[in-house]
């Protein structure tokens, strides 16, 4: 394939998130496109090898171009690498360009870049929780990389919907009760909920999904839970439509 066709194919198989004089952000959608964008870097040792194989299954791989330099960003594995596969500081490299991403309606990418790199000391951002939640859900930004003060209910819900492994980093705080309630409604496993967060509503949802969850209900809630479930059952029974039977 000649050079012109290679370029056309790479562009065709990529999504351009932003293309301006100061910065270009591209998401290769295929390994072939990634290999083309990885030219003059150590990211790919050829098709079937390199960072594409390591990263793509966990979330999108992005190529960031700034000042004639290429960087690879993978939120799910907290990687922001230079052309030599060495860790770089996203905030140090991009600086004020990050705010341009926000103004261009790409806030989730900006916050993912700021918070995902352990080598980056980002500014004291009053971050929009919707932007962070989007970075967590869409880009795979690990919850543990989000400062704890910014782990709101919305952000934590986005994280556990992507992976239950994120539960280890959800604050054990009464405000997070809807997060744990969502987990038992979705997965029916009370084991996923820390004992301190097993309140009446969470336990009721778990038991209704899986009767084995009774063994994990705190003893002090057992009687109240039986009363609640019995009342729920009575209401359900009384609301069933009457049917006429014909006797011979």
Protein backbone atom coordinates (compact mmCIF):
# COMPACT_ATOMS: atom_id res chain seq x y z
CA UNK A 1 0.00 0.00 0.00
CA UNK A 2 1.52 3.36 -1.04
CA UNK A 3 1.93 6.27 1.37
CA UNK A 4 -1.14 8.19 0.21
CA UNK A 5 -3.36 5.16 0.61
CA UNK A 6 -1.84 4.42 4.04
CA UNK A 7 -2.66 7.94 5.19
CA UNK A 8 -6.20 7.77 3.83
CA UNK A 9 -6.80 4.40 5.48
CA UNK A 10 -5.42 5.59 8.85
CA UNK A 11 -7.65 8.68 8.76
CA UNK A 12 -10.66 6.60 7.71
CA UNK A 13 -10.12 4.21 10.63
CA UNK A 14 -9.63 6.94 13.25
CA UNK A 15 -11.87 9.33 15.15
CA UNK A 16 -10.65 12.91 15.41
CA UNK A 17 -11.72 14.30 18.77
CA UNK A 18 -9.95 17.61 18.31
CA UNK A 19 -7.80 19.09 15.58
CA UNK A 20 -6.38 22.57 16.08
CA UNK A 21 -3.05 24.30 15.67
CA UNK A 22 -2.09 23.79 19.32
CA UNK A 23 -3.32 20.24 19.83
CA UNK A 24 -4.61 17.19 17.99
CA UNK A 25 -6.39 14.31 19.72
CA UNK A 26 -7.05 11.18 17.70
CA UNK A 27 -8.57 7.83 18.67
CA UNK A 28 -7.38 5.04 16.34
CA UNK A 29 -10.23 2.56 15.90
CA UNK A 30 -8.15 -0.27 14.47
CA UNK A 31 -4.71 -1.73 15.08
CA UNK A 32 -3.66 -0.75 11.55
CA UNK A 33 -4.56 2.88 12.23
CA UNK A 34 -2.72 2.77 15.57
CA UNK A 35 0.43 1.42 13.92
CA UNK A 36 0.30 4.30 11.42
CA UNK A 37 -0.11 6.93 14.15
CA UNK A 38 2.67 5.23 16.15
CA UNK A 39 5.27 5.90 13.46
CA UNK A 40 8.45 7.49 14.82
CA UNK A 41 7.61 6.22 18.32
CA UNK A 42 8.30 3.09 20.32
CA UNK A 43 4.61 2.37 20.92
CA UNK A 44 4.28 -0.35 18.32
CA UNK A 45 6.81 -2.97 17.29
CA UNK A 46 4.59 -3.99 14.38
CA UNK A 47 1.05 -5.26 13.94
CA UNK A 48 -0.10 -7.56 16.75
CA UNK A 49 2.45 -6.15 19.19
CA UNK A 50 3.08 -3.04 21.22
CA UNK A 51 0.80 -0.92 23.36
CA UNK A 52 -2.30 -1.49 21.24
CA UNK A 53 -2.43 -5.14 22.31
CA UNK A 54 -1.79 -4.19 25.94
CA UNK A 55 -4.31 -1.37 26.22
CA UNK A 56 -7.19 -1.50 23.77
CA UNK A 57 -9.26 -4.13 25.56
CA UNK A 58 -9.55 -1.90 28.65
CA UNK A 59 -10.49 1.37 26.97
CA UNK A 60 -9.70 3.66 24.04
CA UNK A 61 -6.12 4.52 23.16
CA UNK A 62 -5.67 8.19 22.28
CA UNK A 63 -2.84 9.85 20.39
CA UNK A 64 -2.21 13.42 21.52
CA UNK A 65 -0.14 15.70 19.30
CA UNK A 66 1.23 18.94 20.73
CA UNK A 67 4.15 21.09 19.53
CA UNK A 68 5.19 18.46 16.97
CA UNK A 69 5.47 15.82 19.69
CA UNK A 70 3.32 12.73 20.07
CA UNK A 71 1.98 11.35 23.33
CA UNK A 72 -0.08 8.26 24.02
CA UNK A 73 -2.88 8.49 26.57
CA UNK A 74 -4.74 5.51 28.02
CA UNK A 75 -6.98 6.48 30.95
CA UNK A 76 -7.84 2.93 32.00
CA UNK A 77 -4.22 2.07 32.80
CA UNK A 78 -3.16 5.59 33.86
CA UNK A 79 -0.65 5.98 31.05
CA UNK A 80 0.51 9.23 29.48
CA UNK A 81 3.65 8.31 27.56
CA UNK A 82 6.06 10.14 25.32
CA UNK A 83 7.34 8.76 22.02
CA UNK A 84 9.95 6.69 23.88
CA UNK A 85 7.28 5.02 26.06
CA UNK A 86 8.46 7.01 29.07
CA UNK A 87 5.91 8.41 31.58
CA UNK A 88 5.23 12.10 31.13
CA UNK A 89 3.19 14.66 33.06
CA UNK A 90 -0.02 15.42 31.19
CA UNK A 91 -0.45 18.73 32.96
CA UNK A 92 3.21 19.60 32.50
CA UNK A 93 3.08 18.86 28.77
CA UNK A 94 -0.30 20.33 27.94
CA UNK A 95 -0.65 23.13 30.49
CA UNK A 96 -3.27 25.67 29.43
CA UNK A 97 -4.23 23.51 26.45
CA UNK A 98 -6.22 21.41 28.93
CA UNK A 99 -8.63 24.30 29.40
CA UNK A 100 -9.06 24.47 25.65
CA UNK A 101 -10.31 20.89 25.78
CA UNK A 102 -12.94 22.01 28.27
CA UNK A 103 -14.00 24.95 26.13
CA UNK A 104 -14.23 22.63 23.10
CA UNK A 105 -16.72 20.44 24.94
CA UNK A 106 -14.23 17.72 25.80
CA UNK A 107 -14.16 18.19 29.59
CA UNK A 108 -14.14 14.46 30.31
CA UNK A 109 -10.86 14.11 28.40
CA UNK A 110 -9.31 17.10 30.19
CA UNK A 111 -10.17 15.78 33.64
CA UNK A 112 -9.06 12.27 32.73
CA UNK A 113 -5.68 13.67 31.69
CA UNK A 114 -5.35 15.68 34.88
CA UNK A 115 -6.37 12.96 37.30
CA UNK A 116 -5.14 9.74 35.70
CA UNK A 117 -1.41 10.35 35.84
CA UNK A 118 0.41 9.79 39.14
CA UNK A 119 3.22 11.93 37.68
CA UNK A 120 0.96 14.93 37.28
CA UNK A 121 0.20 17.56 39.88
CA UNK A 122 -2.90 19.17 38.47
CA UNK A 123 -4.29 22.51 39.61
CA UNK A 124 -6.97 22.82 42.26
CA UNK A 125 -9.82 22.29 39.86
CA UNK A 126 -13.45 22.75 40.86
CA UNK A 127 -14.33 19.87 38.56
CA UNK A 128 -17.78 19.32 37.09
CA UNK A 129 -18.85 15.94 38.40
CA UNK A 130 -20.57 15.09 35.12
CA UNK A 131 -17.27 15.54 33.30
CA UNK A 132 -15.44 13.28 35.73
CA UNK A 133 -18.22 10.69 35.64
CA UNK A 134 -18.01 10.70 31.85
CA UNK A 135 -14.24 10.19 32.00
CA UNK A 136 -14.75 7.25 34.38
CA UNK A 137 -17.49 5.59 32.35
CA UNK A 138 -16.40 6.34 28.77
CA UNK A 139 -12.62 6.51 29.03
CA UNK A 140 -12.10 4.03 31.86
CA UNK A 141 -10.52 6.50 34.28
CA UNK A 142 -9.96 4.41 37.47
CA UNK A 143 -11.91 5.66 40.47
CA UNK A 144 -8.82 5.49 42.66
CA UNK A 145 -7.22 8.17 40.47
CA UNK A 146 -10.04 10.62 41.19
CA UNK A 147 -9.33 12.70 44.33
CA UNK A 148 -11.57 11.42 47.11
CA UNK A 149 -13.19 14.83 47.60
CA UNK A 150 -14.48 14.53 44.00
CA UNK A 151 -15.88 10.99 44.32
CA UNK A 152 -19.50 12.02 44.30
CA UNK A 153 -22.47 9.68 44.06
CA UNK A 154 -22.64 10.27 40.29
CA UNK A 155 -18.92 9.56 39.78
CA UNK A 156 -19.02 6.41 41.93
CA UNK A 157 -22.12 5.12 40.14
CA UNK A 158 -20.33 5.52 36.82
CA UNK A 159 -17.34 3.60 38.17
CA UNK A 160 -19.28 0.60 39.55
CA UNK A 161 -21.38 0.39 36.38
CA UNK A 162 -18.13 -0.11 34.51
CA UNK A 163 -16.62 -2.55 37.02
CA UNK A 164 -17.47 -3.83 40.50
CA UNK A 165 -13.75 -3.64 41.28
CA UNK A 166 -14.30 0.09 41.77
CA UNK A 167 -16.29 -0.65 44.96
CA UNK A 168 -13.00 -0.92 46.84
CA UNK A 169 -12.54 2.82 46.27
CA UNK A 170 -16.08 4.04 46.97
CA UNK A 171 -16.10 6.00 50.27
CA UNK A 172 -18.02 4.27 53.07
CA UNK A 173 -20.25 7.26 53.58
CA UNK A 174 -24.05 7.40 54.05
CA UNK A 175 -24.22 9.61 50.95
CA UNK A 176 -22.98 6.63 48.92
CA UNK A 177 -25.99 4.46 49.88
CA UNK A 178 -27.53 4.79 46.37
CA UNK A 179 -24.30 3.40 44.89
CA UNK A 180 -24.42 0.23 47.00
CA UNK A 181 -28.16 -0.08 46.42
CA UNK A 182 -27.51 0.00 42.67
CA UNK A 183 -24.91 -2.75 43.09
CA UNK A 184 -27.21 -5.20 44.89
CA UNK A 185 -30.09 -4.46 42.50
CA UNK A 186 -27.83 -5.13 39.55
CA UNK A 187 -25.73 -8.04 40.83
CA UNK A 188 -27.68 -9.35 43.84
CA UNK A 189 -24.52 -9.97 45.84
CA UNK A 190 -24.50 -8.51 49.35
CA UNK A 191 -20.87 -9.60 49.68
CA UNK A 192 -20.00 -6.62 47.47
CA UNK A 193 -21.31 -4.21 50.10
CA UNK A 194 -19.18 -3.33 53.14
CA UNK A 195 -20.91 -4.29 56.45
CA UNK A 196 -21.13 -0.62 57.44
CA UNK A 197 -23.25 0.12 54.35
CA UNK A 198 -25.73 -2.77 54.74
CA UNK A 199 -28.77 -0.78 55.78
CA UNK A 200 -32.40 -1.94 55.64
CA UNK A 201 -33.03 -0.83 52.07
CA UNK A 202 -29.82 -2.36 50.70
CA UNK A 203 -30.44 -5.66 52.51
CA UNK A 204 -34.05 -5.80 51.32
CA UNK A 205 -32.97 -5.36 47.72
CA UNK A 206 -30.31 -8.07 48.11
CA UNK A 207 -32.65 -10.61 49.73
CA UNK A 208 -35.34 -10.02 47.11
CA UNK A 209 -32.74 -10.74 44.44
CA UNK A 210 -31.09 -13.70 46.19
CA UNK A 211 -32.48 -15.44 49.27
CA UNK A 212 -28.98 -16.58 50.26
CA UNK A 213 -28.24 -12.94 51.13
CA UNK A 214 -30.08 -13.52 54.44
CA UNK A 215 -26.86 -14.97 55.83
CA UNK A 216 -25.13 -11.62 55.34
CA UNK A 217 -27.83 -9.39 56.83
CA UNK A 218 -26.70 -7.74 60.10
CA UNK A 219 -28.48 -9.48 63.04
CA UNK A 220 -29.94 -6.21 64.30
CA UNK A 221 -31.80 -5.77 61.01
CA UNK A 222 -33.23 -9.29 60.69
CA UNK A 223 -36.60 -8.74 62.41
CA UNK A 224 -37.20 -5.35 60.75
CA UNK A 225 -36.34 -6.85 57.37
CA UNK A 226 -38.77 -9.78 57.86
CA UNK A 227 -41.53 -7.31 58.76
CA UNK A 228 -40.77 -5.15 55.75
CA UNK A 229 -40.70 -8.05 53.31
CA UNK A 230 -43.91 -9.50 54.75
CA UNK A 231 -45.65 -6.15 54.33
CA UNK A 232 -44.40 -5.90 50.77
CA UNK A 233 -45.67 -9.41 50.03
CA UNK A 234 -49.11 -8.60 51.50
CA UNK A 235 -49.41 -5.46 49.38
CA UNK A 236 -48.42 -7.38 46.27
CA UNK A 237 -50.99 -10.10 47.01
CA UNK A 238 -53.82 -7.63 47.63
CA UNK A 239 -53.07 -5.83 44.37
CA UNK A 240 -53.49 -8.93 42.19
CA UNK A 241 -56.61 -8.77 39.97
CA UNK A 242 -59.55 -11.02 40.91
CA UNK A 243 -60.36 -13.78 38.47
CA UNK A 244 -63.70 -15.45 37.94
CA UNK A 245 -63.70 -19.22 38.03
CA UNK A 246 -66.35 -21.38 36.41
CA UNK A 247 -67.27 -24.44 38.40
CA UNK A 248 -68.92 -27.42 36.83
